[in-house]
């Protein structure tokens, strides 16, 4: 067996392969987005069953193959099970991982995007912060991490909306979800973020279509 490597990451998606296996897409701090096979993960009692769930965050023990990795074990820090118990939160989380999947590539470290996903999931579980605000903060920060942003909004906006824009772009991920906006300011901020998405992103997100249908 090849030497195992331990990599910190989050499962973005999981797909069944055959009767017992799963193919995982994992966003990792050290190696960016990778594909890994979890052999026997669908068998009852398999130690790989729980770590092969979407949103699982922790340290994965992997062996590198020719075209993909093989998962041999994991120490999961957070399964984010509470997200799955709330349909709206689960839809937001699914959109966030699809958004991250759009940007990330194999072989390019993804420390900041991984932290952004983790902190955004935590924010979804905090009732004090509206999910719609979490969404727009996440989108803008993800785009800015990939250099797809302007330092000021691309449309006319009030002082508070401009400040929120600049705060999201220039603040560390750990301090993003520390503010609220009035409905009026949020609407300005939302339109600015939406404009930025239309400017830089040329695809539709299936999970966003589902999210828009339920909120």
Foldseek 3Di string as FASTA:
>chain_A
DAAKDKWWWFWLDWDDDPDAKIWTWIATQQWGTFIEIEGRLRPPPDQCVQRRDGGFTFIWIWGDDDRHIYTDHTDTPDSLVVLVVDVLSVLLLNQLSVLSVVPIDTRDGDNQSRLLSVVLSVVSVDPVADNVVSSLLSLLCVCLVVVQDDCAFPDDADPVLRVLSNCSNPPRSVCNPDDDDDPVSVVRNVVSSVVSCVVPPDDDDPSVVVSVVPD
